Amino acid sequence: LHHIRAPLDSNGIAYEYLDGSTKDRLDGGANFNQNSDVPVFLISLKAGGTGLNLTGADTVIHFDPWWNPAVEDQATDRAHRIGQTRVVTVYRLIAAGTVEEKMLRLSAKKRALVSTVLSTEGRPLSGLTK
């Protein structure tokens, strides 16, 4: 987040910031939702995964993927809340040939596995292999 924060500061772009050390977690979210002069909310994935309602967001960008795809989904869901009136677009920025690219592939496999196990159609466990 610090790498993203620096150019915002140098270009005078207003933003809210939330990470594990933030004391008043809800204040930043309320300001972001209500103040159109604050177009960016920088949130660490783990700190922003619960307790936020970001109906002011219409774009979510994941810069740093997590090993568990459910953690990313939970963070993304902060923008898909009751009261959201806009379409929310989600981006995952992944550089080719990096460990993050491998994580994305692993995440896709985990999602497929969960989908197969939890399926209510046909035979739920039929897609599992050794």
C-alpha atoms as a PDB file:
ATOM      1  CA  LEU A   1       0.000   0.000   0.000  1.00  0.00           C
ATOM      2  CA  HIS A   2       2.902   2.347   0.648  1.00  0.00           C
ATOM      3  CA  HIS A   3       3.980   2.007  -3.000  1.00  0.00           C
ATOM      4  CA  ILE A   4       0.512   3.110  -4.091  1.00  0.00           C
ATOM      5  CA  ARG A   5       0.199   5.795  -1.438  1.00  0.00           C
ATOM      6  CA  ALA A   6       3.318   7.715  -2.501  1.00  0.00           C
ATOM      7  CA  PRO A   7       2.128   8.696  -6.006  1.00  0.00           C
ATOM      8  CA  LEU A   8      -1.310   9.609  -4.661  1.00  0.00           C
ATOM      9  CA  ASP A   9       0.374  11.966  -2.184  1.00  0.00           C
ATOM     10  CA  SER A  10       2.684  13.493  -4.795  1.00  0.00           C
ATOM     11  CA  ASN A  11      -0.237  14.087  -7.193  1.00  0.00           C
ATOM     12  CA  GLY A  12      -2.530  15.534  -4.536  1.00  0.00           C
ATOM     13  CA  ILE A  13      -5.133  12.782  -4.858  1.00  0.00           C
ATOM     14  CA  ALA A  14      -7.265  12.430  -1.741  1.00  0.00           C
ATOM     15  CA  TYR A  15      -7.708   8.942  -0.280  1.00  0.00           C
ATOM     16  CA  GLU A  16      -8.613   7.000   2.812  1.00  0.00           C
ATOM     17  CA  TYR A  17      -6.235   4.396   4.223  1.00  0.00           C
ATOM     18  CA  LEU A  18      -6.866   1.277   6.277  1.00  0.00           C
ATOM     19  CA  ASP A  19      -4.414  -1.335   7.450  1.00  0.00           C
ATOM     20  CA  GLY A  20      -3.938  -3.388  10.596  1.00  0.00           C
ATOM     21  CA  SER A  21      -2.690  -0.383  12.572  1.00  0.00           C
ATOM     22  CA  THR A  22      -5.701   1.846  11.803  1.00  0.00           C
ATOM     23  CA  LYS A  23      -7.572   2.755  14.988  1.00  0.00           C
ATOM     24  CA  ASP A  24     -10.956   4.033  13.732  1.00  0.00           C
ATOM     25  CA  ARG A  25     -11.784   1.533  10.983  1.00  0.00           C
ATOM     26  CA  LEU A  26     -15.310   2.788  10.290  1.00  0.00           C
ATOM     27  CA  ASP A  27     -14.471   6.512  10.007  1.00  0.00           C
ATOM     28  CA  GLY A  28     -12.508   6.081   6.783  1.00  0.00           C
ATOM     29  CA  GLY A  29     -15.270   3.998   5.233  1.00  0.00           C
ATOM     30  CA  ALA A  30     -17.929   6.555   6.136  1.00  0.00           C
ATOM     31  CA  ASN A  31     -15.852   9.403   4.693  1.00  0.00           C
ATOM     32  CA  PHE A  32     -15.154   7.428   1.510  1.00  0.00           C
ATOM     33  CA  ASN A  33     -18.839   6.563   1.036  1.00  0.00           C
ATOM     34  CA  GLN A  34     -20.117  10.097   1.661  1.00  0.00           C
ATOM     35  CA  ASN A  35     -17.383  12.318   0.215  1.00  0.00           C
ATOM     36  CA  SER A  36     -17.064  12.349  -3.571  1.00  0.00           C
ATOM     37  CA  ASP A  37     -13.786  14.292  -3.169  1.00  0.00           C
ATOM     38  CA  VAL A  38     -12.184  11.058  -1.882  1.00  0.00           C
ATOM     39  CA  PRO A  39     -11.977   8.781  -4.937  1.00  0.00           C
ATOM     40  CA  VAL A  40      -9.598   6.147  -3.504  1.00  0.00           C
ATOM     41  CA  PHE A  41      -9.629   3.911  -0.450  1.00  0.00           C
ATOM     42  CA  LEU A  42      -6.429   1.946   0.129  1.00  0.00           C
ATOM     43  CA  ILE A  43      -7.198  -1.114   2.235  1.00  0.00           C
ATOM     44  CA  SER A  44      -4.990  -4.016   3.211  1.00  0.00           C
ATOM     45  CA  LEU A  45      -6.661  -7.275   2.277  1.00  0.00           C
ATOM     46  CA  LYS A  46      -6.768  -8.742   5.759  1.00  0.00           C
ATOM     47  CA  ALA A  47      -7.727  -5.531   7.587  1.00  0.00           C
ATOM     48  CA  GLY A  48     -10.496  -4.717   5.119  1.00  0.00           C
ATOM     49  CA  GLY A  49     -12.043  -8.144   4.901  1.00  0.00           C
ATOM     50  CA  THR A  50     -14.648  -7.649   7.611  1.00  0.00           C
ATOM     51  CA  GLY A  51     -16.816  -4.935   9.087  1.00  0.00           C
ATOM     52  CA  LEU A  52     -16.760  -2.463   6.202  1.00  0.00           C
ATOM     53  CA  ASN A  53     -19.631  -1.334   4.029  1.00  0.00           C
ATOM     54  CA  LEU A  54     -18.195   0.401   0.957  1.00  0.00           C
ATOM     55  CA  THR A  55     -21.209   1.317  -1.141  1.00  0.00           C
ATOM     56  CA  GLY A  56     -19.235   4.329  -2.417  1.00  0.00           C
ATOM     57  CA  ALA A  57     -16.971   1.997  -4.423  1.00  0.00           C
ATOM     58  CA  ASP A  58     -17.512   1.003  -8.017  1.00  0.00           C
ATOM     59  CA  THR A  59     -14.063  -0.478  -8.660  1.00  0.00           C
ATOM     60  CA  VAL A  60     -12.034  -2.937  -6.581  1.00  0.00           C
ATOM     61  CA  ILE A  61      -8.410  -3.597  -7.511  1.00  0.00           C
ATOM     62  CA  HIS A  62      -6.500  -6.419  -5.839  1.00  0.00           C
ATOM     63  CA  PHE A  63      -2.792  -5.612  -6.037  1.00  0.00           C
ATOM     64  CA  ASP A  64      -1.582  -8.342  -3.724  1.00  0.00           C
ATOM     65  CA  PRO A  65      -3.354 -11.719  -3.941  1.00  0.00           C
ATOM     66  CA  TRP A  66      -3.906 -13.958  -0.950  1.00  0.00           C
ATOM     67  CA  TRP A  67      -3.387 -17.716  -0.750  1.00  0.00           C
ATOM     68  CA  ASN A  68      -6.975 -18.298   0.288  1.00  0.00           C
ATOM     69  CA  PRO A  69      -9.429 -17.155  -2.422  1.00  0.00           C
ATOM     70  CA  ALA A  70     -12.206 -16.755   0.157  1.00  0.00           C
ATOM     71  CA  VAL A  71     -10.204 -13.935   1.803  1.00  0.00           C
ATOM     72  CA  GLU A  72     -10.172 -11.988  -1.484  1.00  0.00           C
ATOM     73  CA  ASP A  73     -13.851 -12.707  -2.039  1.00  0.00           C
ATOM     74  CA  GLN A  74     -14.703 -11.422   1.416  1.00  0.00           C
ATOM     75  CA  ALA A  75     -12.734  -8.216   0.799  1.00  0.00           C
ATOM     76  CA  THR A  76     -14.403  -7.744  -2.597  1.00  0.00           C
ATOM     77  CA  ASP A  77     -17.807  -8.221  -0.999  1.00  0.00           C
ATOM     78  CA  ARG A  78     -17.304  -5.016   1.022  1.00  0.00           C
ATOM     79  CA  ALA A  79     -18.339  -3.119  -2.150  1.00  0.00           C
ATOM     80  CA  HIS A  80     -21.274  -5.449  -2.897  1.00  0.00           C
ATOM     81  CA  ARG A  81     -23.449  -4.401   0.031  1.00  0.00           C
ATOM     82  CA  ILE A  82     -27.075  -3.453   0.566  1.00  0.00           C
ATOM     83  CA  GLY A  83     -27.419   0.096  -0.710  1.00  0.00           C
ATOM     84  CA  GLN A  84     -24.946  -0.330  -3.588  1.00  0.00           C
ATOM     85  CA  THR A  85     -26.455   1.342  -6.639  1.00  0.00           C
ATOM     86  CA  ARG A  86     -23.593   0.964  -9.106  1.00  0.00           C
ATOM     87  CA  VAL A  87     -22.020  -1.904 -10.987  1.00  0.00           C
ATOM     88  CA  VAL A  88     -18.805  -2.957  -9.215  1.00  0.00           C
ATOM     89  CA  THR A  89     -15.855  -4.022 -11.370  1.00  0.00           C
ATOM     90  CA  VAL A  90     -13.090  -6.131  -9.824  1.00  0.00           C
ATOM     91  CA  TYR A  91      -9.527  -6.319 -11.158  1.00  0.00           C
ATOM     92  CA  ARG A  92      -6.641  -8.498 -10.037  1.00  0.00           C
ATOM     93  CA  LEU A  93      -3.284  -7.119 -11.125  1.00  0.00           C
ATOM     94  CA  ILE A  94      -0.853  -9.977 -11.615  1.00  0.00           C
ATOM     95  CA  ALA A  95       2.572  -9.760 -13.272  1.00  0.00           C
ATOM     96  CA  ALA A  96       3.494 -12.639 -15.564  1.00  0.00           C
ATOM     97  CA  GLY A  97       6.094 -15.099 -14.316  1.00  0.00           C
ATOM     98  CA  THR A  98       5.707 -14.190 -10.646  1.00  0.00           C
ATOM     99  CA  VAL A  99       4.773 -16.172  -7.570  1.00  0.00           C
ATOM    100  CA  GLU A 100       1.494 -14.229  -7.637  1.00  0.00           C
ATOM    101  CA  GLU A 101       0.703 -15.736 -11.048  1.00  0.00           C
ATOM    102  CA  LYS A 102       1.232 -19.197  -9.555  1.00  0.00           C
ATOM    103  CA  MET A 103      -0.979 -18.215  -6.620  1.00  0.00           C
ATOM    104  CA  LEU A 104      -3.725 -17.194  -9.039  1.00  0.00           C
ATOM    105  CA  ARG A 105      -3.578 -20.611 -10.729  1.00  0.00           C
ATOM    106  CA  LEU A 106      -3.665 -22.336  -7.344  1.00  0.00           C
ATOM    107  CA  SER A 107      -6.595 -20.148  -6.331  1.00  0.00           C
ATOM    108  CA  ALA A 108      -8.508 -21.153  -9.470  1.00  0.00           C
ATOM    109  CA  LYS A 109      -7.912 -24.822  -8.633  1.00  0.00           C
ATOM    110  CA  LYS A 110      -9.152 -24.267  -5.071  1.00  0.00           C
ATOM    111  CA  ARG A 111     -12.279 -22.509  -6.341  1.00  0.00           C
ATOM    112  CA  ALA A 112     -12.994 -25.382  -8.729  1.00  0.00           C
ATOM    113  CA  LEU A 113     -12.479 -27.938  -5.950  1.00  0.00           C
ATOM    114  CA  VAL A 114     -14.832 -26.119  -3.586  1.00  0.00           C
ATOM    115  CA  SER A 115     -17.400 -25.775  -6.362  1.00  0.00           C
ATOM    116  CA  THR A 116     -17.202 -29.503  -7.068  1.00  0.00           C
ATOM    117  CA  VAL A 117     -17.486 -30.521  -3.420  1.00  0.00           C
ATOM    118  CA  LEU A 118     -20.310 -28.117  -2.587  1.00  0.00           C
ATOM    119  CA  SER A 119     -22.294 -28.622  -5.788  1.00  0.00           C
ATOM    120  CA  THR A 120     -25.941 -29.511  -5.382  1.00  0.00           C
ATOM    121  CA  GLU A 121     -26.323 -30.640  -8.984  1.00  0.00           C
ATOM    122  CA  GLY A 122     -25.949 -34.282  -9.957  1.00  0.00           C
ATOM    123  CA  ARG A 123     -23.238 -36.090  -8.015  1.00  0.00           C
ATOM    124  CA  PRO A 124     -21.388 -33.484  -5.931  1.00  0.00           C
ATOM    125  CA  LEU A 125     -18.160 -35.425  -5.480  1.00  0.00           C
ATOM    126  CA  SER A 126     -17.953 -36.815  -9.005  1.00  0.00           C
ATOM    127  CA  GLY A 127     -15.274 -34.327 -10.123  1.00  0.00           C
ATOM    128  CA  LEU A 128     -12.792 -35.286  -7.423  1.00  0.00           C
ATOM    129  CA  THR A 129      -9.747 -37.316  -8.384  1.00  0.00           C
ATOM    130  CA  LYS A 130      -6.938 -38.877  -6.426  1.00  0.00           C
END
